[in-house]
Amino acid sequence: MKFIEMTSDTLLKMVDVHEIDAEALEAAGVGSHSILRINLQGDIEVRRPAGWDVIGGLITDFEQHVKEITGLDWAAPDQSA
């Protein structure tokens, strides 16, 4: 599956306030510099010490917006480890 990674600060700049907010991220244990990733389906995952946890999702037309805000394209996780 392909993802774009970002910090939670970047995510908050990108999403509509009705879709996700800082309080929802905080309740999910996300800090201002947490590493997040969004997949092509809009699932939001946060990096934990031993893996990734799904904490929510985006429901609007987010695909192009994610690429514009981050300057990144969708990439598959490195499976070489």
C-alpha atoms as a PDB file:
ATOM      1  CA  MET A   1       0.000   0.000   0.000  1.00  0.00           C
ATOM      2  CA  LYS A   2       1.245   3.506  -0.758  1.00  0.00           C
ATOM      3  CA  PHE A   3       1.451   6.342   1.776  1.00  0.00           C
ATOM      4  CA  ILE A   4       2.526   9.932   2.245  1.00  0.00           C
ATOM      5  CA  GLU A   5       4.186  10.654   5.600  1.00  0.00           C
ATOM      6  CA  MET A   6       3.981  13.961   7.473  1.00  0.00           C
ATOM      7  CA  THR A   7       3.899  15.465  10.950  1.00  0.00           C
ATOM      8  CA  SER A   8       0.621  16.148  12.708  1.00  0.00           C
ATOM      9  CA  ASP A   9       1.265  19.894  12.269  1.00  0.00           C
ATOM     10  CA  THR A  10       1.252  19.401   8.499  1.00  0.00           C
ATOM     11  CA  LEU A  11      -1.922  17.325   8.674  1.00  0.00           C
ATOM     12  CA  LEU A  12      -3.749  20.060  10.586  1.00  0.00           C
ATOM     13  CA  LYS A  13      -2.792  22.628   7.930  1.00  0.00           C
ATOM     14  CA  MET A  14      -4.317  20.394   5.297  1.00  0.00           C
ATOM     15  CA  VAL A  15      -7.661  19.193   6.635  1.00  0.00           C
ATOM     16  CA  ASP A  16     -11.017  20.840   7.073  1.00  0.00           C
ATOM     17  CA  VAL A  17     -11.777  21.582  10.725  1.00  0.00           C
ATOM     18  CA  HIS A  18     -14.967  19.535  10.448  1.00  0.00           C
ATOM     19  CA  GLU A  19     -13.019  16.465   9.403  1.00  0.00           C
ATOM     20  CA  ILE A  20     -10.371  16.201  12.136  1.00  0.00           C
ATOM     21  CA  ASP A  21      -9.147  18.572  14.803  1.00  0.00           C
ATOM     22  CA  ALA A  22      -6.295  18.995  17.242  1.00  0.00           C
ATOM     23  CA  GLU A  23      -8.354  17.614  20.136  1.00  0.00           C
ATOM     24  CA  ALA A  24      -9.092  14.400  18.218  1.00  0.00           C
ATOM     25  CA  LEU A  25      -5.401  13.971  17.436  1.00  0.00           C
ATOM     26  CA  GLU A  26      -4.446  14.630  21.054  1.00  0.00           C
ATOM     27  CA  ALA A  27      -7.007  12.074  22.251  1.00  0.00           C
ATOM     28  CA  ALA A  28      -5.334   9.539  19.930  1.00  0.00           C
ATOM     29  CA  GLY A  29      -1.980  10.255  21.596  1.00  0.00           C
ATOM     30  CA  VAL A  30      -0.604  12.408  18.782  1.00  0.00           C
ATOM     31  CA  GLY A  31       1.769  15.269  19.601  1.00  0.00           C
ATOM     32  CA  SER A  32       2.720  18.216  17.406  1.00  0.00           C
ATOM     33  CA  HIS A  33       5.739  16.396  15.997  1.00  0.00           C
ATOM     34  CA  SER A  34       4.292  12.895  15.721  1.00  0.00           C
ATOM     35  CA  ILE A  35       4.875  11.128  12.435  1.00  0.00           C
ATOM     36  CA  LEU A  36       1.691  10.308  10.557  1.00  0.00           C
ATOM     37  CA  ARG A  37       0.949   8.722   7.237  1.00  0.00           C
ATOM     38  CA  ILE A  38      -2.089   8.745   4.991  1.00  0.00           C
ATOM     39  CA  ASN A  39      -2.812   6.003   2.488  1.00  0.00           C
ATOM     40  CA  LEU A  40      -4.650   6.249  -0.821  1.00  0.00           C
ATOM     41  CA  GLN A  41      -7.924   5.337   0.912  1.00  0.00           C
ATOM     42  CA  GLY A  42      -7.575   8.260   3.337  1.00  0.00           C
ATOM     43  CA  ASP A  43      -6.712   6.261   6.462  1.00  0.00           C
ATOM     44  CA  ILE A  44      -4.596   8.251   8.928  1.00  0.00           C
ATOM     45  CA  GLU A  45      -1.998   6.259  10.863  1.00  0.00           C
ATOM     46  CA  VAL A  46       0.365   7.394  13.622  1.00  0.00           C
ATOM     47  CA  ARG A  47       3.838   5.970  14.182  1.00  0.00           C
ATOM     48  CA  ARG A  48       4.158   4.215  17.524  1.00  0.00           C
ATOM     49  CA  PRO A  49       7.369   2.698  18.959  1.00  0.00           C
ATOM     50  CA  ALA A  50       6.655  -0.737  17.452  1.00  0.00           C
ATOM     51  CA  GLY A  51       4.504   0.024  14.401  1.00  0.00           C
ATOM     52  CA  TRP A  52       1.588   2.029  13.049  1.00  0.00           C
ATOM     53  CA  ASP A  53      -1.928   2.575  14.487  1.00  0.00           C
ATOM     54  CA  VAL A  54      -4.946   3.740  12.470  1.00  0.00           C
ATOM     55  CA  ILE A  55      -6.419   6.785  14.224  1.00  0.00           C
ATOM     56  CA  GLY A  56      -8.953   8.078  11.722  1.00  0.00           C
ATOM     57  CA  GLY A  57      -9.592   8.899   8.134  1.00  0.00           C
ATOM     58  CA  LEU A  58     -10.128  11.626   5.596  1.00  0.00           C
ATOM     59  CA  ILE A  59     -13.404  11.669   3.707  1.00  0.00           C
ATOM     60  CA  THR A  60     -13.075  14.609   1.335  1.00  0.00           C
ATOM     61  CA  ASP A  61     -11.179  14.843  -1.948  1.00  0.00           C
ATOM     62  CA  PHE A  62      -7.804  14.794  -0.207  1.00  0.00           C
ATOM     63  CA  GLU A  63      -5.448  13.064  -2.656  1.00  0.00           C
ATOM     64  CA  GLN A  64      -4.181  16.095  -4.599  1.00  0.00           C
ATOM     65  CA  HIS A  65      -4.288  18.311  -1.519  1.00  0.00           C
ATOM     66  CA  VAL A  66      -1.999  15.924   0.405  1.00  0.00           C
ATOM     67  CA  LYS A  67       0.525  16.026  -2.427  1.00  0.00           C
ATOM     68  CA  GLU A  68       0.407  19.825  -2.702  1.00  0.00           C
ATOM     69  CA  ILE A  69       0.807  20.504   1.037  1.00  0.00           C
ATOM     70  CA  THR A  70       3.607  17.987   1.620  1.00  0.00           C
ATOM     71  CA  GLY A  71       5.411  18.259  -1.728  1.00  0.00           C
ATOM     72  CA  LEU A  72       5.526  14.442  -1.720  1.00  0.00           C
ATOM     73  CA  ASP A  73       4.066  11.719  -3.900  1.00  0.00           C
ATOM     74  CA  TRP A  74       2.602   8.383  -2.818  1.00  0.00           C
ATOM     75  CA  ALA A  75       5.324   5.865  -1.948  1.00  0.00           C
ATOM     76  CA  ALA A  76       5.303   2.250  -0.831  1.00  0.00           C
ATOM     77  CA  PRO A  77       6.958   1.496   2.532  1.00  0.00           C
ATOM     78  CA  ASP A  78      10.481   0.081   2.313  1.00  0.00           C
ATOM     79  CA  GLN A  79      10.234  -3.690   2.723  1.00  0.00           C
ATOM     80  CA  SER A  80      13.997  -4.332   2.801  1.00  0.00           C
ATOM     81  CA  ALA A  81      14.356  -4.243   6.601  1.00  0.00           C
END
